[in-house]
Amino acid sequence: MRRHYFAATLAAVALATSLGGCATWDSMSARQKSTAVGAAVGGVTGAAVTNGNVLGTVGGAAIGGFIGDEVGKRR
């Protein structure tokens, strides 16, 4: 049970940190916004799937950022 709380806390901190970095959201292009959202969602998903494993979180953020970037290219 304790691992689940740690994973949830880690995911919440990762999301808050990534959204805090988007303080200048209005001046970002659609591609940059897609990349940021993809990285945040990927990081949270990676943390949830791997029960808070750091490599899973970072890997999820990297994959999510890449997918978000690709989606943002098409806009």
N, C-alpha and C. Protein backbone atom coordinates (compact mmCIF):
# COMPACT_ATOMS: atom_id res chain seq x y z
N MET A 1 0.82 -1.19 0.00
CA MET A 1 0.00 0.00 0.00
C MET A 1 0.86 1.25 0.00
N ARG A 2 1.98 1.20 0.69
CA ARG A 2 2.85 2.36 0.80
C ARG A 2 3.43 2.75 -0.56
N ARG A 3 3.71 1.77 -1.41
CA ARG A 3 4.26 2.05 -2.74
C ARG A 3 3.26 2.81 -3.59
N HIS A 4 1.97 2.51 -3.41
CA HIS A 4 0.95 3.20 -4.19
C HIS A 4 0.87 4.67 -3.81
N TYR A 5 1.01 4.96 -2.53
CA TYR A 5 1.01 6.35 -2.10
C TYR A 5 2.23 7.09 -2.64
N PHE A 6 3.36 6.41 -2.64
CA PHE A 6 4.58 7.01 -3.18
C PHE A 6 4.42 7.27 -4.67
N ALA A 7 3.86 6.32 -5.40
CA ALA A 7 3.67 6.50 -6.84
C ALA A 7 2.70 7.63 -7.12
N ALA A 8 1.63 7.72 -6.35
CA ALA A 8 0.67 8.80 -6.55
C ALA A 8 1.28 10.15 -6.22
N THR A 9 2.06 10.21 -5.17
CA THR A 9 2.73 11.46 -4.81
C THR A 9 3.74 11.86 -5.87
N LEU A 10 4.50 10.90 -6.35
CA LEU A 10 5.48 11.18 -7.40
C LEU A 10 4.78 11.68 -8.66
N ALA A 11 3.68 11.07 -9.02
CA ALA A 11 2.94 11.50 -10.20
C ALA A 11 2.39 12.92 -10.02
N ALA A 12 1.88 13.22 -8.84
CA ALA A 12 1.35 14.56 -8.58
C ALA A 12 2.45 15.62 -8.63
N VAL A 13 3.60 15.29 -8.07
CA VAL A 13 4.73 16.23 -8.10
C VAL A 13 5.22 16.44 -9.53
N ALA A 14 5.29 15.37 -10.30
CA ALA A 14 5.72 15.48 -11.69
C ALA A 14 4.75 16.34 -12.49
N LEU A 15 3.46 16.15 -12.28
CA LEU A 15 2.47 16.94 -12.99
C LEU A 15 2.53 18.41 -12.58
N ALA A 16 2.65 18.67 -11.29
CA ALA A 16 2.73 20.06 -10.81
C ALA A 16 3.98 20.75 -11.33
N THR A 17 5.09 20.03 -11.36
CA THR A 17 6.33 20.61 -11.86
C THR A 17 6.24 20.90 -13.35
N SER A 18 5.68 19.98 -14.10
CA SER A 18 5.58 20.20 -15.54
C SER A 18 4.61 21.33 -15.87
N LEU A 19 3.53 21.43 -15.13
CA LEU A 19 2.60 22.53 -15.38
C LEU A 19 3.15 23.86 -14.88
N GLY A 20 3.96 23.82 -13.84
CA GLY A 20 4.60 25.04 -13.36
C GLY A 20 5.58 25.60 -14.37
N GLY A 21 6.18 24.72 -15.14
CA GLY A 21 7.09 25.16 -16.19
C GLY A 21 6.37 25.77 -17.37
N CYS A 22 5.06 25.63 -17.41
CA CYS A 22 4.26 26.18 -18.51
C CYS A 22 3.63 27.51 -18.12
N ALA A 23 4.34 28.29 -17.35
CA ALA A 23 3.80 29.57 -16.89
C ALA A 23 3.59 30.53 -18.06
N THR A 24 4.32 30.35 -19.14
CA THR A 24 4.17 31.21 -20.30
C THR A 24 3.42 30.47 -21.41
N TRP A 25 2.36 29.79 -21.03
CA TRP A 25 1.58 28.97 -21.94
C TRP A 25 1.08 29.77 -23.14
N ASP A 26 0.69 31.02 -22.95
CA ASP A 26 0.11 31.81 -24.04
C ASP A 26 1.11 32.11 -25.14
N SER A 27 2.39 32.19 -24.81
CA SER A 27 3.38 32.52 -25.83
C SER A 27 3.96 31.28 -26.50
N MET A 28 3.47 30.10 -26.14
CA MET A 28 3.97 28.86 -26.73
C MET A 28 3.22 28.53 -28.01
N SER A 29 3.92 27.89 -28.95
CA SER A 29 3.27 27.44 -30.18
C SER A 29 2.44 26.19 -29.88
N ALA A 30 1.61 25.81 -30.82
CA ALA A 30 0.78 24.62 -30.65
C ALA A 30 1.66 23.38 -30.51
N ARG A 31 2.77 23.36 -31.22
CA ARG A 31 3.68 22.21 -31.14
C ARG A 31 4.31 22.11 -29.75
N GLN A 32 4.72 23.24 -29.20
CA GLN A 32 5.31 23.25 -27.86
C GLN A 32 4.29 22.84 -26.80
N LYS A 33 3.06 23.30 -26.95
CA LYS A 33 2.01 22.92 -26.01
C LYS A 33 1.73 21.43 -26.07
N SER A 34 1.68 20.89 -27.28
CA SER A 34 1.44 19.46 -27.45
C SER A 34 2.56 18.64 -26.82
N THR A 35 3.80 19.10 -26.98
CA THR A 35 4.94 18.40 -26.40
C THR A 35 4.87 18.42 -24.88
N ALA A 36 4.54 19.57 -24.30
CA ALA A 36 4.46 19.69 -22.84
C ALA A 36 3.35 18.82 -22.26
N VAL A 37 2.20 18.83 -22.90
CA VAL A 37 1.08 18.02 -22.42
C VAL A 37 1.41 16.53 -22.58
N GLY A 38 1.99 16.17 -23.70
CA GLY A 38 2.37 14.78 -23.92
C GLY A 38 3.37 14.28 -22.90
N ALA A 39 4.36 15.12 -22.57
CA ALA A 39 5.36 14.74 -21.57
C ALA A 39 4.72 14.59 -20.19
N ALA A 40 3.81 15.48 -19.84
CA ALA A 40 3.15 15.40 -18.53
C ALA A 40 2.29 14.15 -18.43
N VAL A 41 1.49 13.90 -19.45
CA VAL A 41 0.62 12.72 -19.43
C VAL A 41 1.45 11.45 -19.48
N GLY A 42 2.49 11.44 -20.29
CA GLY A 42 3.36 10.26 -20.37
C GLY A 42 4.07 9.98 -19.06
N GLY A 43 4.54 11.02 -18.40
CA GLY A 43 5.21 10.84 -17.11
C GLY A 43 4.29 10.29 -16.05
N VAL A 44 3.09 10.80 -15.98
CA VAL A 44 2.13 10.31 -14.99
C VAL A 44 1.73 8.87 -15.31
N THR A 45 1.52 8.59 -16.59
CA THR A 45 1.16 7.23 -16.99
C THR A 45 2.31 6.26 -16.72
N GLY A 46 3.52 6.67 -17.04
CA GLY A 46 4.68 5.82 -16.78
C GLY A 46 4.85 5.53 -15.30
N ALA A 47 4.61 6.52 -14.47
CA ALA A 47 4.71 6.32 -13.02
C ALA A 47 3.63 5.37 -12.53
N ALA A 48 2.44 5.52 -13.06
CA ALA A 48 1.33 4.66 -12.62
C ALA A 48 1.53 3.21 -13.06
N VAL A 49 1.99 3.03 -14.28
CA VAL A 49 2.15 1.68 -14.81
C VAL A 49 3.29 0.94 -14.12
N THR A 50 4.37 1.65 -13.79
CA THR A 50 5.53 1.00 -13.19
C THR A 50 5.59 1.15 -11.68
N ASN A 51 4.50 1.53 -11.07
CA ASN A 51 4.41 1.70 -9.61
C ASN A 51 5.45 2.67 -9.07
N GLY A 52 5.65 3.78 -9.77
CA GLY A 52 6.54 4.83 -9.30
C GLY A 52 8.00 4.63 -9.63
N ASN A 53 8.33 3.70 -10.49
CA ASN A 53 9.70 3.49 -10.91
C ASN A 53 10.21 4.73 -11.65
N VAL A 54 11.38 5.21 -11.27
CA VAL A 54 11.91 6.44 -11.86
C VAL A 54 12.13 6.28 -13.36
N LEU A 55 12.69 5.15 -13.77
CA LEU A 55 12.92 4.93 -15.19
C LEU A 55 11.61 4.86 -15.96
N GLY A 56 10.59 4.29 -15.37
CA GLY A 56 9.28 4.25 -16.02
C GLY A 56 8.68 5.63 -16.16
N THR A 57 8.86 6.47 -15.15
CA THR A 57 8.35 7.83 -15.19
C THR A 57 9.07 8.66 -16.25
N VAL A 58 10.40 8.58 -16.24
CA VAL A 58 11.18 9.35 -17.22
C VAL A 58 10.95 8.83 -18.63
N GLY A 59 10.89 7.52 -18.76
CA GLY A 59 10.62 6.93 -20.07
C GLY A 59 9.25 7.31 -20.59
N GLY A 60 8.26 7.29 -19.73
CA GLY A 60 6.91 7.70 -20.12
C GLY A 60 6.86 9.16 -20.54
N ALA A 61 7.58 10.00 -19.81
CA ALA A 61 7.62 11.43 -20.17
C ALA A 61 8.31 11.63 -21.51
N ALA A 62 9.38 10.89 -21.75
CA ALA A 62 10.10 11.02 -23.02
C ALA A 62 9.23 10.55 -24.19
N ILE A 63 8.59 9.42 -24.02
CA ILE A 63 7.73 8.89 -25.09
C ILE A 63 6.53 9.81 -25.30
N GLY A 64 5.93 10.27 -24.20
CA GLY A 64 4.78 11.17 -24.32
C GLY A 64 5.16 12.49 -24.96
N GLY A 65 6.34 13.02 -24.62
CA GLY A 65 6.80 14.26 -25.25
C GLY A 65 7.04 14.08 -26.73
N PHE A 66 7.59 12.94 -27.12
CA PHE A 66 7.83 12.66 -28.54
C PHE A 66 6.51 12.56 -29.30
N ILE A 67 5.55 11.84 -28.73
CA ILE A 67 4.25 11.71 -29.38
C ILE A 67 3.55 13.07 -29.46
N GLY A 68 3.62 13.85 -28.39
CA GLY A 68 3.02 15.18 -28.40
C GLY A 68 3.66 16.07 -29.45
N ASP A 69 4.97 15.97 -29.60
CA ASP A 69 5.67 16.74 -30.62
C ASP A 69 5.22 16.36 -32.02
N GLU A 70 5.06 15.07 -32.25
CA GLU A 70 4.61 14.60 -33.56
C GLU A 70 3.18 15.06 -33.85
N VAL A 71 2.33 15.02 -32.84
CA VAL A 71 0.95 15.49 -33.02
C VAL A 71 0.95 17.01 -33.28
N GLY A 72 1.80 17.73 -32.57
CA GLY A 72 1.87 19.17 -32.74
C GLY A 72 2.38 19.60 -34.10
N LYS A 73 3.15 18.78 -34.76
CA LYS A 73 3.63 19.09 -36.12
C LYS A 73 2.49 19.19 -37.10
N ARG A 74 1.45 18.41 -36.88
CA ARG A 74 0.35 18.32 -37.83
C ARG A 74 -0.66 19.44 -37.67
N ARG A 75 -0.49 20.27 -36.67
CA ARG A 75 -1.47 21.36 -36.45
C ARG A 75 -1.07 22.58 -37.22
